[in-house]
């Protein structure tokens, strides 16, 4: 397969898969936090990184940001911006987890409302989030708009502009 064919088909296909996977991770993570903001606020407070006055607003706002970013990433709307936002959140999560590990805080992840949420944070949690960050960086740099809703919108807008009487 030629380099051009790889750039035109393989990379966009990998990008689409990465967008769907990463977006789904963020949607699933947001879902449990939206359903139980109190539990998420307790999780945030346990990290001991934020002033108490910011814990509740963070517990309410962050899951909605995760949900919207995940949906828009999958849909392919403002893809690079969503990838940048997700990467920034992943860096924030990594810093918080490393902080907790460095300060020997025995705590649970709080990422998902599932069995994993009951597991203590560890260096495996850091590795998992680091892998997701790598995937997010790939999406940011690999995305060329193929298989994305924003490309369809641009095509439709350009088509309408070229139509007589439009």
Protein backbone atom coordinates (compact mmCIF):
# COMPACT_ATOMS: atom_id res chain seq x y z
CA UNK A 1 0.00 0.00 0.00
CA UNK A 2 1.38 3.38 -0.96
CA UNK A 3 2.09 6.18 1.50
CA UNK A 4 -0.65 8.24 -0.11
CA UNK A 5 -3.19 5.44 0.32
CA UNK A 6 -2.22 5.11 3.97
CA UNK A 7 -2.72 8.85 4.50
CA UNK A 8 -6.06 8.84 2.69
CA UNK A 9 -7.64 5.71 4.15
CA UNK A 10 -5.75 4.05 7.00
CA UNK A 11 -4.98 7.12 9.13
CA UNK A 12 -8.56 8.50 8.90
CA UNK A 13 -9.92 5.06 9.78
CA UNK A 14 -7.62 4.81 12.80
CA UNK A 15 -8.55 8.37 13.72
CA UNK A 16 -12.27 7.50 13.60
CA UNK A 17 -11.72 4.44 15.78
CA UNK A 18 -9.66 6.44 18.25
CA UNK A 19 -12.30 9.21 18.35
CA UNK A 20 -15.11 6.74 18.99
CA UNK A 21 -13.15 4.88 21.67
CA UNK A 22 -11.90 7.96 23.51
CA UNK A 23 -15.23 9.76 23.22
CA UNK A 24 -17.00 6.67 24.61
CA UNK A 25 -14.59 6.52 27.55
CA UNK A 26 -15.41 10.12 28.43
CA UNK A 27 -19.16 9.62 27.99
CA UNK A 28 -19.11 6.55 30.25
CA UNK A 29 -16.99 8.37 32.82
CA UNK A 30 -19.32 11.37 32.81
CA UNK A 31 -22.48 9.31 33.13
CA UNK A 32 -21.80 7.99 36.62
CA UNK A 33 -20.55 11.36 37.85
CA UNK A 34 -23.67 13.13 36.58
CA UNK A 35 -25.86 10.50 38.23
CA UNK A 36 -24.11 10.88 41.61
CA UNK A 37 -22.42 14.29 41.95
CA UNK A 38 -22.12 13.90 45.72
CA UNK A 39 -19.97 10.78 45.39
CA UNK A 40 -17.84 12.51 42.76
CA UNK A 41 -17.43 15.56 45.01
CA UNK A 42 -16.17 13.27 47.79
CA UNK A 43 -13.72 11.73 45.32
CA UNK A 44 -12.45 15.16 44.26
CA UNK A 45 -12.10 16.29 47.89
CA UNK A 46 -10.10 13.16 48.73
CA UNK A 47 -7.33 14.26 46.35
CA UNK A 48 -6.78 17.30 48.62
CA UNK A 49 -5.76 19.50 45.69
CA UNK A 50 -8.63 21.99 45.50
CA UNK A 51 -9.97 24.44 48.06
CA UNK A 52 -13.25 23.22 49.53
CA UNK A 53 -15.12 26.08 47.83
CA UNK A 54 -14.22 24.65 44.39
CA UNK A 55 -15.02 20.98 45.03
CA UNK A 56 -18.79 21.17 44.46
CA UNK A 57 -18.64 23.38 41.34
CA UNK A 58 -15.99 21.05 39.90
CA UNK A 59 -18.11 17.98 40.71
CA UNK A 60 -21.08 19.48 38.89
CA UNK A 61 -19.31 21.09 35.92
CA UNK A 62 -16.58 18.59 35.00
CA UNK A 63 -18.86 15.64 34.15
CA UNK A 64 -20.89 17.78 31.76
CA UNK A 65 -17.70 18.98 30.07
CA UNK A 66 -16.60 15.34 29.75
CA UNK A 67 -19.97 14.32 28.30
CA UNK A 68 -20.15 17.13 25.75
CA UNK A 69 -16.51 16.72 24.71
CA UNK A 70 -17.01 12.96 24.28
CA UNK A 71 -20.15 13.37 22.16
CA UNK A 72 -18.60 16.07 19.97
CA UNK A 73 -15.41 14.05 19.53
CA UNK A 74 -17.36 11.02 18.31
CA UNK A 75 -19.51 13.17 16.03
CA UNK A 76 -16.47 14.89 14.61
CA UNK A 77 -17.52 18.44 15.44
CA UNK A 78 -14.66 20.77 16.32
CA UNK A 79 -12.60 17.60 16.54
CA UNK A 80 -9.19 19.13 17.20
CA UNK A 81 -10.62 21.43 19.87
CA UNK A 82 -12.35 18.48 21.55
CA UNK A 83 -9.15 16.42 21.37
CA UNK A 84 -7.26 19.32 22.97
CA UNK A 85 -9.90 19.63 25.71
CA UNK A 86 -9.87 15.88 26.41
CA UNK A 87 -6.06 15.88 26.45
CA UNK A 88 -6.08 18.77 28.93
CA UNK A 89 -8.49 16.87 31.17
CA UNK A 90 -6.33 13.75 30.93
CA UNK A 91 -3.24 15.74 31.93
CA UNK A 92 -5.23 17.14 34.87
CA UNK A 93 -6.30 13.60 35.87
CA UNK A 94 -2.73 12.33 35.55
CA UNK A 95 -1.39 15.13 37.73
CA UNK A 96 -4.06 14.41 40.36
CA UNK A 97 -3.36 10.67 40.37
CA UNK A 98 0.42 11.12 40.55
CA UNK A 99 -0.09 13.69 43.32
CA UNK A 100 -2.20 11.21 45.29
CA UNK A 101 0.32 8.41 44.77
CA UNK A 102 3.24 10.68 45.74
CA UNK A 103 1.42 11.69 48.93
CA UNK A 104 0.55 8.05 49.65
CA UNK A 105 -3.19 8.74 49.68
CA UNK A 106 -5.04 5.44 49.78
CA UNK A 107 -8.07 6.15 47.65
CA UNK A 108 -10.23 4.90 44.85
CA UNK A 109 -10.20 6.29 41.34
CA UNK A 110 -13.70 7.77 41.09
CA UNK A 111 -13.43 7.80 37.30
CA UNK A 112 -16.33 5.49 36.53
CA UNK A 113 -19.46 4.29 38.28
CA UNK A 114 -18.47 0.65 37.94
CA UNK A 115 -16.30 -2.04 39.43
CA UNK A 116 -13.22 -0.06 38.42
CA UNK A 117 -14.35 2.84 40.59
CA UNK A 118 -13.84 0.59 43.60
CA UNK A 119 -10.21 -0.16 42.70
CA UNK A 120 -7.50 1.81 44.45
CA UNK A 121 -5.48 4.17 42.27
CA UNK A 122 -2.09 2.82 41.26
CA UNK A 123 0.61 3.23 38.69
CA UNK A 124 -1.59 1.09 36.43
CA UNK A 125 -4.15 3.94 36.58
CA UNK A 126 -1.39 6.33 35.50
CA UNK A 127 -0.43 4.00 32.63
CA UNK A 128 -4.07 3.70 31.50
CA UNK A 129 -4.63 7.46 31.50
CA UNK A 130 -1.24 7.95 29.81
CA UNK A 131 -2.31 5.57 27.03
CA UNK A 132 -5.54 7.53 26.62
CA UNK A 133 -3.51 10.73 26.45
CA UNK A 134 -1.38 9.18 23.71
CA UNK A 135 -4.56 8.31 21.83
CA UNK A 136 -5.83 11.87 22.28
CA UNK A 137 -2.57 13.28 20.92
CA UNK A 138 -2.91 10.96 17.91
CA UNK A 139 -6.45 12.24 17.29
CA UNK A 140 -5.30 15.84 17.57
CA UNK A 141 -2.51 15.44 15.01
CA UNK A 142 -4.00 12.77 12.73
CA UNK A 143 -7.41 14.33 12.27
CA UNK A 144 -7.96 15.69 8.80
CA UNK A 145 -11.73 15.89 9.02
CA UNK A 146 -12.47 12.71 7.14
CA UNK A 147 -15.36 10.71 8.61
CA UNK A 148 -16.37 13.77 10.63
CA UNK A 149 -19.62 15.69 10.82
CA UNK A 150 -17.74 18.99 10.48
CA UNK A 151 -16.55 17.90 7.02
CA UNK A 152 -20.12 17.11 5.97
CA UNK A 153 -21.30 20.49 7.28
CA UNK A 154 -18.56 22.30 5.36
CA UNK A 155 -19.39 20.35 2.19
CA UNK A 156 -23.10 21.15 2.58
CA UNK A 157 -22.40 24.83 3.20
CA UNK A 158 -20.12 25.05 0.16
CA UNK A 159 -22.72 23.24 -1.95
CA UNK A 160 -25.43 25.68 -0.85
CA UNK A 161 -23.22 28.69 -1.59
CA UNK A 162 -22.69 27.41 -5.12
CA UNK A 163 -26.42 26.84 -5.73
CA UNK A 164 -28.28 29.35 -7.92
CA UNK A 165 -30.62 31.56 -5.94
CA UNK A 166 -28.93 30.75 -2.63
